[in-house]
Amino acid sequence: MQAKASQAETGWREPGRAGGRRDRESFGKWIVAEMILAGMMVGSSLPAHSQTGDPTSAPAPAPASAQVAGATDARPWWRGISTDGFLSLSYTFNDNVPANHINQFRVFDFNDDDPQLDVAELVIQRAISEPKQFGFRFDLIAGSGVPEVTAAYGLFRDTHTGVAHHVDIPQFFVSYIVPVGKGLRLDAGKFATHMGYEVIGGYDGYNDNFSRGFIFGYGIPFTHTGLKATYAFTSKVTAMVSICNGWDDVQRLNHAYTAAAQVAVTPTKTSNVTFNFIRGPERRQDTHDQRTVYELVASWKPVSKVTLAGDGVYGHEQNGVAIGHDAIWRGLAGYGKYSLTSKFSLAFRGEVFNDAGGTRTGTDQTLRGFTLTPEYDMAAKFSRVNSHFKKADGKFAVRGEVRWDLSDKNVFLVGSTPTTNHQFTRAVNLIYLF
């Protein structure tokens, strides 16, 4: 992943990729991942409900009778805990054959010509949906792609070197629904950002494309640590406000806080529109200069087999480039997915990202990307081998991907020299989730 010019100040995302560092601690990272996979299997044997229905949708909450404190159900509270897992493996080849084996300006698929364990995820949670319910969520991930990029400053990212490794806890929060009106949900801890159409990805939701876009990687944060309040005013309008430590920070970089908000509107059963906002000082020992991002995300399903979506973002940071010179970034992405059958689909993404001042990508440039991703889904029926494996039943997804990136500058390496304005990659991705 290319470094951002402001990383040295913010400790925000790992700067090591800029120099072409390629981590080869393969034995250690696979051991850690196998430990998580073992945890998935052990956890799946707990007397808790597993994910059912569409694996890419959020899991249904446990019945209220099993969750409400003092309910008449005689079952213990831990019967409402669920455990789920997610695994992603990939291989990417870059036609430019960069000497450092790094796919430039990529997020998680930065390794070229090297099989990669993107992520192994274990999720333990007690989902809630009714007033007076307490819940929690704990996500543990390992791998050679996702964790070292998403790791937050002060947790699994070193506060001095900015280096992260192959383990992360992207989410760990507790929840309570206050019996006010229709129910005011409060979350406290570390949670995924509310921003973006694309997500980090896991058992309860992954993107239609294998690789992540420029807006996801450079325009918005990954996670927050703080407090969040969510309230559904009607069945069509929901709002959220949050106070947190900042962008991907468990430990604050300064003595200020970051404010965030979201308004989600569902005008019809097949469409939704979301407005996102975040503002706060995000540089080390600087409580004055504000970083502000506005975002509009919309999706529409005109027919059952077609999904269309768009994501537009505008970011601004005071004195981000230099004193008296603000940083500005803008991004626009369009998405389309067509399900040819119940198992086979095609997804497309077209995007443009302008980094005026070069604070997000390290270069003052405009990036464009075009991505095509075919996917084939299969049921994972381990119970056919032995009934003891029933808890491991889930889904396999096999995906291919071709992607073409362009810049208005010659920033892409051909061999060891930045002599071209484009890169073309091909990838294969295997997903297992239960």
Protein backbone atom coordinates (compact mmCIF):
# COMPACT_ATOMS: atom_id res chain seq x y z
CA MET A 1 0.00 0.00 0.00
CA GLN A 2 1.39 3.43 -0.87
CA ALA A 3 2.07 5.65 2.10
CA LYS A 4 0.35 8.94 2.67
CA ALA A 5 2.46 12.04 3.05
CA SER A 6 0.86 12.79 6.40
CA GLN A 7 1.49 9.34 7.87
CA ALA A 8 4.69 10.34 9.55
CA GLU A 9 2.73 12.92 11.50
CA THR A 10 -0.44 11.00 12.16
CA GLY A 11 0.72 7.41 12.53
CA TRP A 12 -2.52 6.71 10.66
CA ARG A 13 -1.63 3.92 8.24
CA GLU A 14 1.45 1.85 7.82
CA PRO A 15 4.25 3.78 6.08
CA GLY A 16 6.44 0.73 5.51
CA ARG A 17 4.77 -0.13 2.20
CA ALA A 18 6.05 3.08 0.60
CA GLY A 19 9.58 1.80 0.67
CA GLY A 20 8.63 -1.48 -0.87
CA ARG A 21 9.01 -3.47 2.36
CA ARG A 22 7.73 -6.97 1.81
CA ASP A 23 7.09 -8.94 4.96
CA ARG A 24 8.12 -12.60 4.70
CA GLU A 25 7.26 -13.77 8.21
CA SER A 26 5.18 -16.49 6.58
CA PHE A 27 5.59 -19.13 9.26
CA GLY A 28 4.53 -16.86 12.09
CA LYS A 29 1.55 -15.37 10.29
CA TRP A 30 0.22 -18.80 9.26
CA ILE A 31 0.60 -20.11 12.83
CA VAL A 32 -1.39 -17.15 14.15
CA ALA A 33 -4.04 -17.66 11.49
CA GLU A 34 -4.34 -21.35 12.31
CA MET A 35 -4.82 -20.43 15.97
CA ILE A 36 -7.76 -18.22 14.97
CA LEU A 37 -9.19 -20.95 12.74
CA ALA A 38 -8.94 -23.37 15.63
CA GLY A 39 -10.77 -20.81 17.74
CA MET A 40 -13.48 -20.66 15.09
CA MET A 41 -14.02 -24.40 15.29
CA VAL A 42 -13.94 -24.49 19.07
CA GLY A 43 -16.26 -21.50 19.25
CA SER A 44 -18.66 -23.04 16.78
CA SER A 45 -19.18 -25.95 19.16
CA LEU A 46 -20.54 -23.65 21.85
CA PRO A 47 -24.28 -23.93 22.52
CA ALA A 48 -24.95 -20.73 20.58
CA HIS A 49 -26.86 -20.04 17.39
CA SER A 50 -24.84 -19.93 14.16
CA GLN A 51 -25.42 -17.72 11.18
CA THR A 52 -28.36 -18.73 9.02
CA GLY A 53 -29.88 -17.46 5.80
CA ASP A 54 -27.85 -15.27 3.47
CA PRO A 55 -24.23 -15.42 4.72
CA THR A 56 -23.47 -11.95 3.38
CA SER A 57 -26.21 -10.31 5.40
CA ALA A 58 -26.05 -9.17 8.99
CA PRO A 59 -27.01 -11.99 11.39
CA ALA A 60 -30.46 -12.00 12.88
CA PRO A 61 -30.46 -11.05 16.56
CA ALA A 62 -31.17 -13.67 19.18
CA PRO A 63 -34.77 -13.86 20.38
CA ALA A 64 -35.62 -11.17 22.87
CA SER A 65 -36.62 -13.78 25.43
CA ALA A 66 -33.08 -15.07 25.43
CA GLN A 67 -31.51 -11.63 25.75
CA VAL A 68 -33.59 -9.41 27.98
CA ALA A 69 -32.33 -9.29 31.51
CA GLY A 70 -34.86 -10.85 33.85
CA ALA A 71 -36.82 -12.55 31.06
CA THR A 72 -38.83 -15.63 31.90
CA ASP A 73 -36.71 -17.87 29.62
CA ALA A 74 -34.77 -20.21 31.88
CA ARG A 75 -31.82 -20.38 29.48
CA PRO A 76 -28.60 -18.71 30.73
CA TRP A 77 -27.57 -15.41 29.12
CA TRP A 78 -24.65 -16.96 27.28
CA ARG A 79 -27.02 -19.00 25.13
CA GLY A 80 -27.54 -15.78 23.17
CA ILE A 81 -23.86 -15.63 22.16
CA SER A 82 -23.01 -16.51 18.56
CA THR A 83 -19.65 -17.42 17.05
CA ASP A 84 -18.86 -17.09 13.35
CA GLY A 85 -15.84 -17.25 11.10
CA PHE A 86 -14.49 -15.90 7.83
CA LEU A 87 -11.43 -16.82 5.76
CA SER A 88 -10.05 -15.18 2.61
CA LEU A 89 -7.10 -16.39 0.49
CA SER A 90 -5.84 -14.72 -2.67
CA TYR A 91 -3.19 -14.46 -5.35
CA THR A 92 -2.55 -11.34 -7.45
CA PHE A 93 -0.28 -10.86 -10.47
CA ASN A 94 0.81 -7.43 -11.74
CA ASP A 95 1.64 -7.16 -15.46
CA ASN A 96 4.14 -4.37 -14.69
CA VAL A 97 6.25 -6.92 -12.74
CA PRO A 98 7.35 -4.34 -10.11
CA ALA A 99 10.78 -5.14 -8.67
CA ASN A 100 9.57 -4.65 -5.10
CA HIS A 101 6.59 -6.99 -5.69
CA ILE A 102 4.16 -4.35 -4.45
CA ASN A 103 0.90 -3.41 -6.20
CA GLN A 104 0.88 0.36 -5.83
CA PHE A 105 -2.05 2.29 -4.36
CA ARG A 106 -3.81 -0.89 -3.29
CA VAL A 107 -5.23 -1.48 0.18
CA PHE A 108 -5.14 -5.17 1.15
CA ASP A 109 -4.06 -6.76 -2.15
CA PHE A 110 -0.64 -5.10 -2.15
CA ASN A 111 1.47 -8.28 -2.60
CA ASP A 112 2.33 -9.10 -6.21
CA ASP A 113 2.97 -12.67 -7.38
CA ASP A 114 2.69 -14.10 -3.87
CA PRO A 115 -0.13 -16.28 -2.46
CA GLN A 116 -1.63 -14.44 0.49
CA LEU A 117 -3.79 -15.19 3.49
CA ASP A 118 -5.77 -11.97 3.41
CA VAL A 119 -7.56 -12.56 6.69
CA ALA A 120 -8.87 -15.21 9.07
CA GLU A 121 -11.61 -13.79 11.28
CA LEU A 122 -13.32 -15.00 14.45
CA VAL A 123 -16.41 -13.09 15.62
CA ILE A 124 -17.98 -13.62 19.04
CA GLN A 125 -21.02 -11.52 19.81
CA ARG A 126 -24.30 -11.16 21.62
CA ALA A 127 -26.56 -9.32 19.18
CA ILE A 128 -29.34 -7.14 20.54
CA SER A 129 -32.41 -5.47 19.04
CA GLU A 130 -34.82 -4.59 21.87
CA PRO A 131 -34.80 -2.01 24.72
CA LYS A 132 -33.04 -3.00 27.97
CA GLN A 133 -30.83 -5.51 26.21
CA PHE A 134 -27.07 -5.70 26.78
CA GLY A 135 -24.76 -7.02 24.09
CA PHE A 136 -21.18 -7.06 22.88
CA ARG A 137 -19.05 -7.87 19.85
CA PHE A 138 -15.44 -9.06 19.63
CA ASP A 139 -13.64 -9.50 16.28
CA LEU A 140 -10.19 -11.09 16.13
CA ILE A 141 -8.35 -11.25 12.80
CA ALA A 142 -4.99 -12.52 11.54
CA GLY A 143 -3.34 -12.65 8.14
CA SER A 144 -0.77 -11.07 5.86
CA GLY A 145 -3.10 -8.57 4.19
CA VAL A 146 -5.81 -6.96 6.28
CA PRO A 147 -4.49 -6.72 9.89
CA GLU A 148 -1.29 -4.79 9.22
CA VAL A 149 -3.28 -2.16 7.30
CA THR A 150 -6.30 -1.78 9.60
CA ALA A 151 -4.39 -1.95 12.90
CA ALA A 152 -5.06 1.13 15.02
CA TYR A 153 -2.46 3.47 16.49
CA GLY A 154 -1.78 2.51 20.08
CA LEU A 155 -3.21 -1.03 19.92
CA PHE A 156 -1.54 -3.30 17.36
CA ARG A 157 0.29 -0.43 15.62
CA ASP A 158 3.47 0.74 17.35
CA THR A 159 3.20 4.38 18.47
CA HIS A 160 6.87 5.06 17.68
CA THR A 161 7.56 3.17 14.46
CA GLY A 162 4.03 3.04 13.01
CA VAL A 163 4.57 -0.64 12.17
CA ALA A 164 1.82 -3.24 12.57
CA HIS A 165 1.95 -6.99 12.13
CA HIS A 166 -0.40 -9.86 11.42
CA VAL A 167 -2.97 -9.66 14.21
CA ASP A 168 -5.66 -7.06 14.92
CA ILE A 169 -8.88 -6.53 16.84
CA PRO A 170 -10.88 -4.31 14.46
CA GLN A 171 -13.97 -4.34 16.70
CA PHE A 172 -14.51 -4.79 20.43
CA PHE A 173 -17.46 -2.96 21.92
CA VAL A 174 -20.33 -3.29 24.35
CA SER A 175 -23.90 -2.24 23.56
CA TYR A 176 -27.08 -1.30 25.38
CA ILE A 177 -30.48 -0.19 24.09
CA VAL A 178 -31.90 2.54 26.30
CA PRO A 179 -35.72 2.31 26.66
CA VAL A 180 -36.32 5.78 25.24
CA GLY A 181 -38.89 6.14 22.47
CA LYS A 182 -38.27 3.31 20.01
CA GLY A 183 -34.96 2.48 21.67
CA LEU A 184 -31.68 4.44 21.72
CA ARG A 185 -28.73 2.17 20.99
CA LEU A 186 -25.41 2.99 22.66
CA ASP A 187 -22.08 1.41 21.66
CA ALA A 188 -18.82 1.96 23.53
CA GLY A 189 -15.43 0.65 22.46
CA LYS A 190 -13.72 0.10 19.11
CA PHE A 191 -15.93 -0.28 16.03
CA ALA A 192 -15.77 -0.15 12.22
CA THR A 193 -16.28 3.23 10.62
CA HIS A 194 -19.74 4.28 9.50
CA MET A 195 -18.28 5.75 6.33
CA GLY A 196 -17.98 4.26 2.87
CA TYR A 197 -19.91 1.93 0.60
CA GLU A 198 -17.13 -0.66 0.83
CA VAL A 199 -16.26 -2.43 4.08
CA ILE A 200 -13.25 -4.17 5.61
CA GLY A 201 -15.20 -7.38 5.11
CA GLY A 202 -16.03 -10.40 7.18
CA TYR A 203 -18.59 -13.14 7.78
CA ASP A 204 -21.53 -10.70 7.99
CA GLY A 205 -20.71 -8.76 4.85
CA TYR A 206 -18.05 -8.59 2.14
CA ASN A 207 -17.68 -6.44 -0.95
CA ASP A 208 -18.79 -7.42 -4.44
CA ASN A 209 -15.25 -6.73 -5.71
CA PHE A 210 -12.21 -8.51 -4.30
CA SER A 211 -9.91 -5.47 -4.20
CA ARG A 212 -10.84 -2.26 -2.37
CA GLY A 213 -11.26 1.07 -4.11
CA PHE A 214 -9.36 4.33 -3.69
CA ILE A 215 -12.07 5.97 -1.57
CA PHE A 216 -11.97 3.11 0.92
CA GLY A 217 -8.17 3.10 1.08
CA TYR A 218 -7.38 6.81 1.01
CA GLY A 219 -10.51 8.88 1.54
CA ILE A 220 -11.99 7.63 4.81
CA PRO A 221 -10.94 5.92 8.07
CA PHE A 222 -11.17 2.21 8.90
CA THR A 223 -12.14 2.18 12.59
CA HIS A 224 -12.93 4.42 15.57
CA THR A 225 -12.60 4.10 19.33
CA GLY A 226 -15.18 5.97 21.38
CA LEU A 227 -18.91 6.29 21.92
CA LYS A 228 -21.73 5.97 19.40
CA ALA A 229 -25.49 6.57 19.69
CA THR A 230 -28.00 5.37 17.07
CA TYR A 231 -31.73 6.04 16.90
CA ALA A 232 -34.37 5.01 14.36
CA PHE A 233 -36.87 7.87 14.14
CA THR A 234 -39.06 5.93 11.69
CA SER A 235 -38.79 2.77 9.65
CA LYS A 236 -37.22 4.92 6.93
CA VAL A 237 -34.96 7.36 8.81
CA THR A 238 -32.11 6.47 11.17
CA ALA A 239 -29.46 8.79 12.64
CA MET A 240 -26.14 8.22 14.39
CA VAL A 241 -23.73 10.51 16.26
CA SER A 242 -20.31 9.60 17.62
CA ILE A 243 -17.43 11.02 19.64
CA CYS A 244 -14.16 9.17 19.14
CA ASN A 245 -10.37 9.39 19.37
CA GLY A 246 -9.98 9.97 15.64
CA TRP A 247 -9.11 8.05 12.48
CA ASP A 248 -7.84 4.56 13.36
CA ASP A 249 -6.62 5.65 16.78
CA VAL A 250 -7.03 3.77 20.05
CA GLN A 251 -4.54 6.10 21.68
CA ARG A 252 -5.11 9.77 20.86
CA LEU A 253 -2.54 11.64 18.78
CA ASN A 254 -3.46 14.90 20.48
CA HIS A 255 -5.76 16.16 23.25
CA ALA A 256 -8.83 16.63 21.06
CA TYR A 257 -11.69 14.41 19.95
CA THR A 258 -13.31 13.72 16.58
CA ALA A 259 -17.06 14.11 15.96
CA ALA A 260 -18.96 11.98 13.44
CA ALA A 261 -22.54 11.65 12.25
CA GLN A 262 -24.72 9.71 9.85
CA VAL A 263 -28.25 10.02 8.49
CA ALA A 264 -29.61 6.99 6.64
CA VAL A 265 -32.82 7.20 4.61
CA THR A 266 -34.66 4.27 3.03
CA PRO A 267 -37.19 5.88 0.67
CA THR A 268 -38.28 2.53 -0.81
CA LYS A 269 -37.72 -1.15 -0.17
CA THR A 270 -35.18 -1.26 -2.98
CA SER A 271 -33.19 1.93 -2.35
CA ASN A 272 -31.33 3.79 0.37
CA VAL A 273 -29.34 6.98 0.74
CA THR A 274 -26.78 7.70 3.47
CA PHE A 275 -25.05 10.95 4.37
CA ASN A 276 -21.83 10.62 6.39
CA PHE A 277 -19.76 13.26 8.15
CA ILE A 278 -16.60 13.34 10.27
CA ARG A 279 -14.54 16.23 11.62
CA GLY A 280 -11.61 16.59 14.02
CA PRO A 281 -7.87 17.29 14.30
CA GLU A 282 -5.94 14.22 13.13
CA ARG A 283 -2.27 15.19 13.31
CA ARG A 284 0.14 14.57 16.14
CA GLN A 285 0.17 17.28 18.82
CA ASP A 286 -2.09 19.49 16.70
CA THR A 287 -5.51 20.33 18.10
CA HIS A 288 -6.20 23.26 15.77
CA ASP A 289 -6.11 22.03 12.15
CA GLN A 290 -9.32 20.18 11.34
CA ARG A 291 -9.77 17.26 8.97
CA THR A 292 -13.33 17.17 7.58
CA VAL A 293 -14.95 14.64 5.26
CA TYR A 294 -18.44 14.69 3.72
CA GLU A 295 -19.78 11.62 1.97
CA LEU A 296 -22.94 10.56 0.14
CA VAL A 297 -23.63 6.87 -0.47
CA ALA A 298 -26.65 5.52 -2.36
CA SER A 299 -27.81 2.14 -3.63
CA TRP A 300 -30.72 0.96 -5.75
CA LYS A 301 -31.99 -2.46 -6.76
CA PRO A 302 -34.14 -1.83 -9.87
CA VAL A 303 -34.78 -5.56 -10.37
CA SER A 304 -34.03 -8.59 -8.23
CA LYS A 305 -30.88 -9.52 -10.16
CA VAL A 306 -29.33 -6.05 -10.43
CA THR A 307 -27.77 -3.82 -7.76
CA LEU A 308 -26.46 -0.31 -8.51
CA ALA A 309 -24.61 1.96 -6.07
CA GLY A 310 -22.58 5.14 -5.88
CA ASP A 311 -20.15 6.71 -3.40
CA GLY A 312 -19.03 10.34 -3.45
CA VAL A 313 -16.57 11.84 -0.96
CA TYR A 314 -15.05 15.27 -0.35
CA GLY A 315 -12.25 15.73 2.18
CA HIS A 316 -10.43 18.80 3.45
CA GLU A 317 -7.63 19.26 5.99
CA GLN A 318 -6.42 22.64 7.20
CA ASN A 319 -2.70 23.22 6.50
CA GLY A 320 -2.51 19.59 5.39
CA VAL A 321 0.06 20.15 2.64
CA ALA A 322 1.98 22.97 4.32
CA ILE A 323 1.30 26.03 6.43
CA GLY A 324 -1.24 28.05 4.48
CA HIS A 325 -1.85 25.25 1.99
CA ASP A 326 -4.84 23.03 2.75
CA ALA A 327 -5.18 19.43 1.57
CA ILE A 328 -8.22 18.50 -0.52
CA TRP A 329 -9.27 15.11 -1.83
CA ARG A 330 -12.31 14.08 -3.84
CA GLY A 331 -13.55 10.70 -4.93
CA LEU A 332 -16.41 9.25 -6.93
CA ALA A 333 -17.17 5.55 -7.45
CA GLY A 334 -19.94 3.66 -9.22
CA TYR A 335 -20.83 0.02 -8.62
CA GLY A 336 -22.94 -2.54 -10.45
CA LYS A 337 -23.67 -6.19 -9.80
CA TYR A 338 -25.66 -8.60 -11.96
CA SER A 339 -26.64 -12.07 -10.71
CA LEU A 340 -26.80 -14.26 -13.79
CA THR A 341 -27.91 -17.24 -11.67
CA SER A 342 -28.41 -17.93 -7.97
CA LYS A 343 -24.73 -18.91 -7.78
CA PHE A 344 -22.92 -16.86 -10.44
CA SER A 345 -22.62 -13.07 -10.58
CA LEU A 346 -20.57 -10.28 -12.17
CA ALA A 347 -19.59 -7.09 -10.36
CA PHE A 348 -18.10 -3.91 -11.83
CA ARG A 349 -16.56 -0.82 -10.23
CA GLY A 350 -15.48 2.40 -11.91
CA GLU A 351 -13.82 5.11 -9.82
CA VAL A 352 -11.84 8.33 -9.80
CA PHE A 353 -9.88 9.82 -6.90
CA ASN A 354 -8.22 13.25 -6.93
CA ASP A 355 -5.51 13.90 -4.33
CA ALA A 356 -4.77 17.62 -4.56
CA GLY A 357 -1.57 18.18 -2.61
CA GLY A 358 -0.64 14.51 -2.39
CA THR A 359 -1.38 14.07 1.31
CA ARG A 360 -3.44 10.91 0.82
CA THR A 361 -1.45 8.90 -1.74
CA GLY A 362 1.95 10.59 -1.49
CA THR A 363 1.62 12.20 -4.92
CA ASP A 364 -0.43 15.12 -6.25
CA GLN A 365 -2.40 13.09 -8.79
CA THR A 366 -5.74 11.84 -10.06
CA LEU A 367 -6.24 8.08 -9.98
CA ARG A 368 -8.79 6.12 -12.00
CA GLY A 369 -9.69 2.47 -11.67
CA PHE A 370 -11.85 -0.08 -13.49
CA THR A 371 -12.54 -3.46 -11.89
CA LEU A 372 -14.47 -6.55 -13.03
CA THR A 373 -15.13 -9.40 -10.59
CA PRO A 374 -16.92 -12.67 -11.44
CA GLU A 375 -18.06 -14.76 -8.43
CA TYR A 376 -19.30 -18.32 -8.04
CA ASP A 377 -20.88 -19.42 -4.74
CA MET A 378 -21.05 -22.94 -3.35
CA ALA A 379 -22.46 -24.45 -0.18
CA ALA A 380 -19.85 -25.69 2.31
CA LYS A 381 -21.46 -28.87 3.67
CA PHE A 382 -18.88 -30.41 5.98
CA SER A 383 -21.72 -32.20 7.79
CA ARG A 384 -21.89 -34.57 4.82
CA VAL A 385 -18.50 -35.91 5.92
CA ASN A 386 -19.42 -36.17 9.58
CA SER A 387 -22.34 -34.82 11.57
CA HIS A 388 -19.88 -33.42 14.13
CA PHE A 389 -18.84 -30.85 11.51
CA LYS A 390 -22.33 -29.38 11.16
CA LYS A 391 -21.32 -26.17 12.92
CA ALA A 392 -18.73 -25.59 10.18
CA ASP A 393 -21.33 -25.65 7.41
CA GLY A 394 -21.42 -22.38 5.54
CA LYS A 395 -20.44 -21.02 2.15
CA PHE A 396 -17.54 -21.02 -0.31
CA ALA A 397 -17.10 -18.19 -2.81
CA VAL A 398 -14.59 -18.35 -5.65
CA ARG A 399 -13.80 -15.05 -7.34
CA GLY A 400 -11.59 -13.86 -10.13
CA GLU A 401 -10.72 -10.22 -10.80
CA VAL A 402 -9.15 -8.03 -13.44
CA ARG A 403 -8.33 -4.42 -12.58
CA TRP A 404 -6.84 -1.52 -14.52
CA ASP A 405 -5.50 1.50 -12.62
CA LEU A 406 -4.43 4.77 -14.25
CA SER A 407 -2.87 8.01 -13.01
CA ASP A 408 -2.27 11.37 -14.64
CA LYS A 409 1.37 11.00 -13.46
CA ASN A 410 3.97 8.33 -14.23
CA VAL A 411 3.90 6.81 -10.76
CA PHE A 412 3.67 3.07 -11.46
CA LEU A 413 6.77 0.92 -11.42
CA VAL A 414 7.84 -1.14 -14.41
CA GLY A 415 10.57 -3.26 -12.94
CA SER A 416 12.34 -0.83 -10.61
CA THR A 417 11.59 2.45 -12.44
CA PRO A 418 8.40 4.59 -12.17
CA THR A 419 7.95 5.01 -15.93
CA THR A 420 4.28 4.41 -16.65
CA ASN A 421 0.88 5.81 -15.77
CA HIS A 422 -0.96 2.48 -15.44
CA GLN A 423 -0.95 -0.97 -13.87
CA PHE A 424 -3.01 -4.02 -14.76
CA THR A 425 -3.56 -6.85 -12.28
CA ARG A 426 -5.29 -10.21 -12.27
CA ALA A 427 -6.37 -11.97 -9.09
CA VAL A 428 -8.10 -15.06 -7.76
CA ASN A 429 -9.80 -15.11 -4.36
CA LEU A 430 -11.25 -17.93 -2.25
CA ILE A 431 -13.66 -17.15 0.61
CA TYR A 432 -15.05 -19.46 3.28
CA LEU A 433 -17.54 -18.28 5.87
CA PHE A 434 -19.84 -19.87 8.40
